[in-house]
């Protein structure tokens, strides 16, 4: 459905994660007017569609809505309808969100990869405004990517472009959720950060005592937030884990710079809580690994602005066309 949405109109952005569905009513400036969440149904599929429909109807009771955008961690067909693959949410493959929602709502609907949506939010109303080209990494459990070139999201021939988290950096390395082995996601993601911290505790329990005390001696309670606070307090084991993650990300930034020559690389996701404690070593690693070092300007590496709301803000704008 192609409709010109007035600038003054409100749109809905829905961001689907592995544990929660986050919905927001957003204005044309990227400001969230209202926000609501639901647990992501374990069975995914049609139950997830029903959850989203319920969330949209709740907003429609209060607001006049002009369009619906869906952000999801998945590969999406180039026509933005069918989910090609979604490794972290059940029963999404081959689901057509656009058709499902257009059957219920007489509104334009789009579906976009969550990292692309977050990239777009940063480009339109965040810290990537005016930058071209600009790369986005969203670092959470996994590692998503987005790219804007000349004011447009880059998607490639089949809609799967800019999946930066799945560049293979270690042939025959750790198996990734995508099915390949040795993807950068396995070495620079939030999951990798936690693995480095746990490996450090196992290698030197005396050094790990402080970290363990922060999670009441239960490694299952060790989170990125706990690790970030420990690093800010000077815990060397936590700092070492961040440095290892930053080293891998910096090396990836160097490679992508030679491919795309971006003006900036924006980093989003939970690691942004660590601020310069993480970003400074990423910059240092990028400089250290950079091919043709000293012969060209390096991209800026900056933190994202929109945090966990980036995906819904981005799709709420993309549905405007």
Protein backbone atom coordinates (compact mmCIF):
# COMPACT_ATOMS: atom_id res chain seq x y z
CA UNK A 1 0.00 0.00 0.00
CA UNK A 2 1.52 3.32 -1.05
CA UNK A 3 0.06 6.43 0.60
CA UNK A 4 1.60 9.85 1.15
CA UNK A 5 1.52 10.38 4.90
CA UNK A 6 1.11 14.02 6.03
CA UNK A 7 4.05 15.44 7.99
CA UNK A 8 1.82 16.16 10.97
CA UNK A 9 0.54 12.58 11.14
CA UNK A 10 1.55 10.02 13.77
CA UNK A 11 2.88 6.57 12.90
CA UNK A 12 3.50 3.43 14.93
CA UNK A 13 6.83 1.66 15.24
CA UNK A 14 6.95 -1.92 16.58
CA UNK A 15 10.31 -3.44 17.51
CA UNK A 16 10.29 -7.22 17.93
CA UNK A 17 12.97 -8.71 20.15
CA UNK A 18 13.59 -12.17 21.53
CA UNK A 19 12.02 -11.30 24.90
CA UNK A 20 9.80 -8.26 24.32
CA UNK A 21 7.71 -6.49 21.70
CA UNK A 22 8.14 -2.73 22.08
CA UNK A 23 5.64 -0.41 20.41
CA UNK A 24 5.62 3.35 20.14
CA UNK A 25 3.59 6.19 18.64
CA UNK A 26 6.09 8.50 16.91
CA UNK A 27 5.81 11.95 15.33
CA UNK A 28 7.59 13.16 12.19
CA UNK A 29 10.57 14.42 14.23
CA UNK A 30 11.29 10.99 15.69
CA UNK A 31 9.81 11.89 19.08
CA UNK A 32 8.04 9.06 20.90
CA UNK A 33 4.58 10.19 22.03
CA UNK A 34 3.56 6.96 23.75
CA UNK A 35 5.21 3.63 24.50
CA UNK A 36 3.98 0.13 25.41
CA UNK A 37 5.44 -3.35 25.59
CA UNK A 38 4.40 -6.98 25.59
CA UNK A 39 6.35 -10.20 26.19
CA UNK A 40 7.37 -11.90 22.95
CA UNK A 41 5.28 -15.11 22.72
CA UNK A 42 7.53 -18.17 22.93
CA UNK A 43 5.69 -19.78 20.03
CA UNK A 44 6.26 -16.74 17.77
CA UNK A 45 4.42 -16.97 14.46
CA UNK A 46 0.70 -16.25 14.53
CA UNK A 47 0.66 -15.63 18.28
CA UNK A 48 3.25 -12.90 17.74
CA UNK A 49 1.11 -11.38 14.97
CA UNK A 50 -1.87 -11.38 17.35
CA UNK A 51 0.22 -9.64 20.03
CA UNK A 52 1.24 -6.91 17.57
CA UNK A 53 -2.35 -6.42 16.38
CA UNK A 54 -3.49 -6.03 20.00
CA UNK A 55 -0.75 -3.46 20.66
CA UNK A 56 -1.68 -1.42 17.57
CA UNK A 57 -5.39 -1.46 18.43
CA UNK A 58 -4.56 -0.22 21.94
CA UNK A 59 -2.80 2.81 20.42
CA UNK A 60 -5.62 3.41 17.91
CA UNK A 61 -8.10 3.92 20.74
CA UNK A 62 -6.14 7.06 21.70
CA UNK A 63 -4.37 8.24 18.52
CA UNK A 64 -5.15 8.65 14.83
CA UNK A 65 -2.45 6.54 13.17
CA UNK A 66 -1.28 6.95 9.56
CA UNK A 67 1.09 3.99 9.13
CA UNK A 68 2.73 0.99 10.80
CA UNK A 69 6.39 -0.02 10.75
CA UNK A 70 7.73 -3.34 12.06
CA UNK A 71 11.38 -3.78 13.08
CA UNK A 72 12.61 -7.36 13.58
CA UNK A 73 15.95 -9.16 13.91
CA UNK A 74 15.61 -11.11 10.68
CA UNK A 75 16.53 -11.29 7.02
CA UNK A 76 13.68 -9.79 5.03
CA UNK A 77 12.87 -10.18 1.33
CA UNK A 78 13.65 -7.21 -0.88
CA UNK A 79 9.94 -6.41 -1.27
CA UNK A 80 9.89 -5.96 2.55
CA UNK A 81 7.15 -8.49 3.04
CA UNK A 82 8.36 -12.00 3.77
CA UNK A 83 10.70 -12.99 6.62
CA UNK A 84 13.47 -15.01 4.95
CA UNK A 85 15.18 -16.08 8.18
CA UNK A 86 14.90 -15.23 11.89
CA UNK A 87 17.20 -17.41 14.00
CA UNK A 88 16.20 -16.01 17.41
CA UNK A 89 12.38 -15.93 17.20
CA UNK A 90 10.25 -19.02 16.63
CA UNK A 91 8.10 -19.65 13.55
CA UNK A 92 8.85 -16.44 11.66
CA UNK A 93 10.40 -17.87 8.50
CA UNK A 94 8.16 -17.22 5.48
CA UNK A 95 5.74 -15.15 7.58
CA UNK A 96 4.46 -12.08 5.69
CA UNK A 97 3.91 -9.36 8.28
CA UNK A 98 2.77 -6.84 5.68
CA UNK A 99 -0.04 -9.08 4.40
CA UNK A 100 -1.03 -10.15 7.93
CA UNK A 101 -1.38 -6.57 9.19
CA UNK A 102 -2.91 -5.08 6.05
CA UNK A 103 -5.72 -7.63 6.40
CA UNK A 104 -6.61 -5.99 9.73
CA UNK A 105 -5.64 -2.34 9.29
CA UNK A 106 -6.35 -0.15 6.27
CA UNK A 107 -2.93 1.49 6.62
CA UNK A 108 0.47 1.32 4.92
CA UNK A 109 2.71 -1.30 6.58
CA UNK A 110 6.43 -1.97 6.20
CA UNK A 111 8.78 -4.52 7.76
CA UNK A 112 12.48 -3.82 8.14
CA UNK A 113 15.53 -5.49 9.65
CA UNK A 114 16.09 -4.12 13.17
CA UNK A 115 19.63 -2.89 12.52
CA UNK A 116 18.55 -1.13 9.30
CA UNK A 117 15.71 0.49 11.24
CA UNK A 118 18.07 1.62 14.01
CA UNK A 119 20.54 2.95 11.43
CA UNK A 120 17.76 4.98 9.84
CA UNK A 121 16.72 6.44 13.21
CA UNK A 122 20.30 7.59 13.83
CA UNK A 123 20.54 9.06 10.32
CA UNK A 124 17.25 10.94 10.49
CA UNK A 125 17.18 12.20 14.08
CA UNK A 126 20.20 10.81 15.93
CA UNK A 127 23.99 11.10 15.92
CA UNK A 128 24.43 10.16 12.24
CA UNK A 129 22.60 13.18 10.80
CA UNK A 130 24.42 14.69 7.82
CA UNK A 131 27.02 11.90 7.62
CA UNK A 132 27.62 10.07 4.32
CA UNK A 133 28.26 7.20 3.96
CA UNK A 134 27.62 6.01 7.49
CA UNK A 135 27.81 2.49 8.97
CA UNK A 136 25.89 1.32 12.01
CA UNK A 137 26.70 -1.58 14.34
CA UNK A 138 24.09 -2.64 16.87
CA UNK A 139 25.85 -4.77 19.46
CA UNK A 140 23.71 -6.86 21.76
CA UNK A 141 23.43 -10.61 22.07
CA UNK A 142 24.44 -10.64 18.40
CA UNK A 143 25.81 -7.97 16.07
CA UNK A 144 23.59 -6.32 13.48
CA UNK A 145 24.59 -3.84 10.84
CA UNK A 146 23.18 -1.05 8.70
CA UNK A 147 24.48 1.29 6.02
CA UNK A 148 23.21 4.57 4.59
CA UNK A 149 24.71 5.79 1.31
CA UNK A 150 23.59 9.07 -0.32
CA UNK A 151 20.58 9.30 1.97
CA UNK A 152 19.29 5.78 1.31
CA UNK A 153 19.44 2.52 3.24
CA UNK A 154 21.67 0.07 1.40
CA UNK A 155 20.04 -3.36 1.07
CA UNK A 156 21.82 -5.04 -1.83
CA UNK A 157 20.39 -7.15 -4.65
CA UNK A 158 18.31 -9.45 -2.44
CA UNK A 159 17.67 -7.38 0.69
CA UNK A 160 20.45 -8.92 2.78
CA UNK A 161 23.17 -6.28 2.33
CA UNK A 162 25.07 -4.67 5.22
CA UNK A 163 24.90 -7.75 7.48
CA UNK A 164 28.20 -6.64 8.97
CA UNK A 165 28.04 -9.03 11.91
CA UNK A 166 28.54 -12.00 9.62
CA UNK A 167 31.88 -11.22 8.02
CA UNK A 168 34.01 -14.32 8.62
CA UNK A 169 37.14 -13.40 10.55
CA UNK A 170 38.16 -16.86 11.80
CA UNK A 171 37.80 -19.65 9.20
CA UNK A 172 36.64 -22.77 11.07
CA UNK A 173 36.09 -20.59 14.15
CA UNK A 174 33.14 -20.56 16.53
CA UNK A 175 29.79 -21.56 15.05
CA UNK A 176 27.42 -18.65 14.58
CA UNK A 177 23.63 -18.63 14.78
CA UNK A 178 23.57 -17.95 11.04
CA UNK A 179 25.07 -21.41 10.43
CA UNK A 180 28.52 -20.22 9.37
CA UNK A 181 31.72 -20.51 11.41
CA UNK A 182 33.93 -17.67 12.60
CA UNK A 183 31.67 -14.63 12.07
CA UNK A 184 32.77 -11.39 13.70
CA UNK A 185 29.52 -11.57 15.73
CA UNK A 186 31.08 -14.45 17.68
CA UNK A 187 34.03 -12.26 18.74
CA UNK A 188 32.72 -8.67 19.00
CA UNK A 189 29.15 -9.10 20.29
CA UNK A 190 27.75 -8.76 23.79
CA UNK A 191 27.70 -12.55 24.03
CA UNK A 192 31.41 -12.60 23.25
CA UNK A 193 32.04 -9.97 25.96
CA UNK A 194 30.35 -12.19 28.54
CA UNK A 195 32.35 -15.18 27.35
CA UNK A 196 35.62 -13.26 27.76
CA UNK A 197 34.66 -12.24 31.30
CA UNK A 198 33.75 -15.80 32.30
CA UNK A 199 36.96 -17.15 30.74
CA UNK A 200 38.90 -14.57 32.76
CA UNK A 201 37.21 -15.62 36.01
CA UNK A 202 37.94 -19.30 35.28
CA UNK A 203 41.60 -18.56 34.47
CA UNK A 204 42.18 -16.44 37.60
CA UNK A 205 39.53 -17.00 40.31
CA UNK A 206 41.28 -14.63 42.72
CA UNK A 207 40.97 -11.78 40.21
CA UNK A 208 37.39 -12.84 39.52
CA UNK A 209 36.25 -12.63 43.15
CA UNK A 210 35.15 -9.02 42.84
CA UNK A 211 33.14 -9.72 39.71
CA UNK A 212 31.55 -12.77 41.30
CA UNK A 213 30.65 -10.76 44.39
CA UNK A 214 28.76 -8.29 42.18
CA UNK A 215 26.50 -11.10 41.00
CA UNK A 216 26.24 -12.89 44.36
CA UNK A 217 28.62 -15.63 43.28
CA UNK A 218 26.31 -16.78 40.47
CA UNK A 219 27.84 -16.53 37.00
CA UNK A 220 24.35 -16.79 35.51
CA UNK A 221 23.66 -13.35 37.06
CA UNK A 222 26.67 -11.72 35.41
CA UNK A 223 25.23 -9.20 32.95
CA UNK A 224 26.59 -6.53 30.65
CA UNK A 225 25.39 -3.87 33.09
CA UNK A 226 27.30 -5.50 35.97
CA UNK A 227 30.39 -5.83 33.80
CA UNK A 228 30.16 -2.21 32.67
CA UNK A 229 29.93 -0.93 36.23
CA UNK A 230 32.85 -3.14 37.30
CA UNK A 231 34.99 -1.80 34.46
CA UNK A 232 34.09 1.80 35.34
CA UNK A 233 35.15 1.01 38.93
CA UNK A 234 38.54 -0.16 37.66
CA UNK A 235 38.11 -3.94 37.78
CA UNK A 236 40.95 -5.20 35.57
CA UNK A 237 39.23 -8.41 34.54
CA UNK A 238 36.18 -6.50 33.30
CA UNK A 239 38.38 -3.95 31.51
CA UNK A 240 40.31 -6.79 29.87
CA UNK A 241 37.06 -8.34 28.58
CA UNK A 242 35.98 -5.00 27.08
CA UNK A 243 39.42 -4.50 25.52
CA UNK A 244 39.26 -7.91 23.86
CA UNK A 245 35.83 -7.18 22.44
CA UNK A 246 36.99 -3.71 21.33
CA UNK A 247 40.06 -5.18 19.62
CA UNK A 248 37.87 -7.43 17.45
CA UNK A 249 35.44 -4.63 16.64
CA UNK A 250 38.30 -2.26 15.79
CA UNK A 251 39.76 -4.78 13.36
CA UNK A 252 36.35 -5.12 11.68
CA UNK A 253 36.06 -1.33 11.45
CA UNK A 254 39.41 -1.24 9.64
CA UNK A 255 38.25 -3.79 7.08
CA UNK A 256 34.89 -2.12 6.48
CA UNK A 257 36.59 1.26 6.12
CA UNK A 258 38.59 0.02 3.14
CA UNK A 259 35.46 -1.44 1.57
CA UNK A 260 33.11 1.51 2.08
CA UNK A 261 35.16 4.56 3.18
CA UNK A 262 32.46 5.74 5.63
CA UNK A 263 32.49 9.20 7.14
CA UNK A 264 31.49 7.64 10.46
CA UNK A 265 30.73 4.36 12.17
CA UNK A 266 27.93 4.57 14.74
CA UNK A 267 27.90 1.99 17.55
CA UNK A 268 24.64 1.16 19.32
CA UNK A 269 23.36 -1.48 21.70
CA UNK A 270 24.19 -2.24 25.30
CA UNK A 271 27.94 -1.58 24.94
CA UNK A 272 27.21 2.13 24.59
CA UNK A 273 26.63 2.18 28.38
CA UNK A 274 30.41 1.73 28.72
CA UNK A 275 31.03 4.92 26.72
CA UNK A 276 34.62 5.85 26.01
CA UNK A 277 35.82 2.92 28.11
CA UNK A 278 34.76 0.82 25.10
CA UNK A 279 34.87 3.27 22.17
CA UNK A 280 38.40 4.56 22.83
CA UNK A 281 40.03 1.10 22.49
CA UNK A 282 37.87 0.44 19.40
CA UNK A 283 39.36 3.54 17.77
CA UNK A 284 42.89 2.51 18.79
CA UNK A 285 42.40 -0.98 17.38
CA UNK A 286 41.00 0.39 14.12
CA UNK A 287 44.08 2.59 13.69
CA UNK A 288 46.39 -0.32 14.52
CA UNK A 289 44.79 -2.70 12.02
CA UNK A 290 44.06 -0.16 9.27
CA UNK A 291 45.41 -1.07 5.80
CA UNK A 292 47.30 1.78 4.13
CA UNK A 293 47.62 3.40 7.55
CA UNK A 294 48.40 7.09 7.49
CA UNK A 295 47.35 7.57 3.87
CA UNK A 296 43.69 8.50 4.37
CA UNK A 297 41.29 10.01 6.89
CA UNK A 298 39.75 7.59 9.35
CA UNK A 299 36.01 7.46 10.05
CA UNK A 300 34.70 8.85 13.29
CA UNK A 301 33.51 6.18 15.73
CA UNK A 302 30.61 7.54 17.74
CA UNK A 303 27.93 6.28 20.11
CA UNK A 304 24.33 6.00 18.97
CA UNK A 305 21.77 8.40 20.42
CA UNK A 306 18.49 6.50 20.48
CA UNK A 307 19.36 3.42 22.54
CA UNK A 308 16.79 0.63 22.77
CA UNK A 309 14.13 2.72 21.05
CA UNK A 310 16.09 3.16 17.80
CA UNK A 311 14.38 0.32 15.93
CA UNK A 312 10.84 1.53 16.49
CA UNK A 313 11.77 5.17 15.78
CA UNK A 314 13.42 4.13 12.51
CA UNK A 315 10.53 2.05 11.14
CA UNK A 316 8.00 4.64 12.24
CA UNK A 317 9.82 7.06 9.92
CA UNK A 318 10.47 4.58 7.10
CA UNK A 319 6.76 3.87 6.70
CA UNK A 320 6.36 7.54 5.77
CA UNK A 321 8.06 6.65 2.47
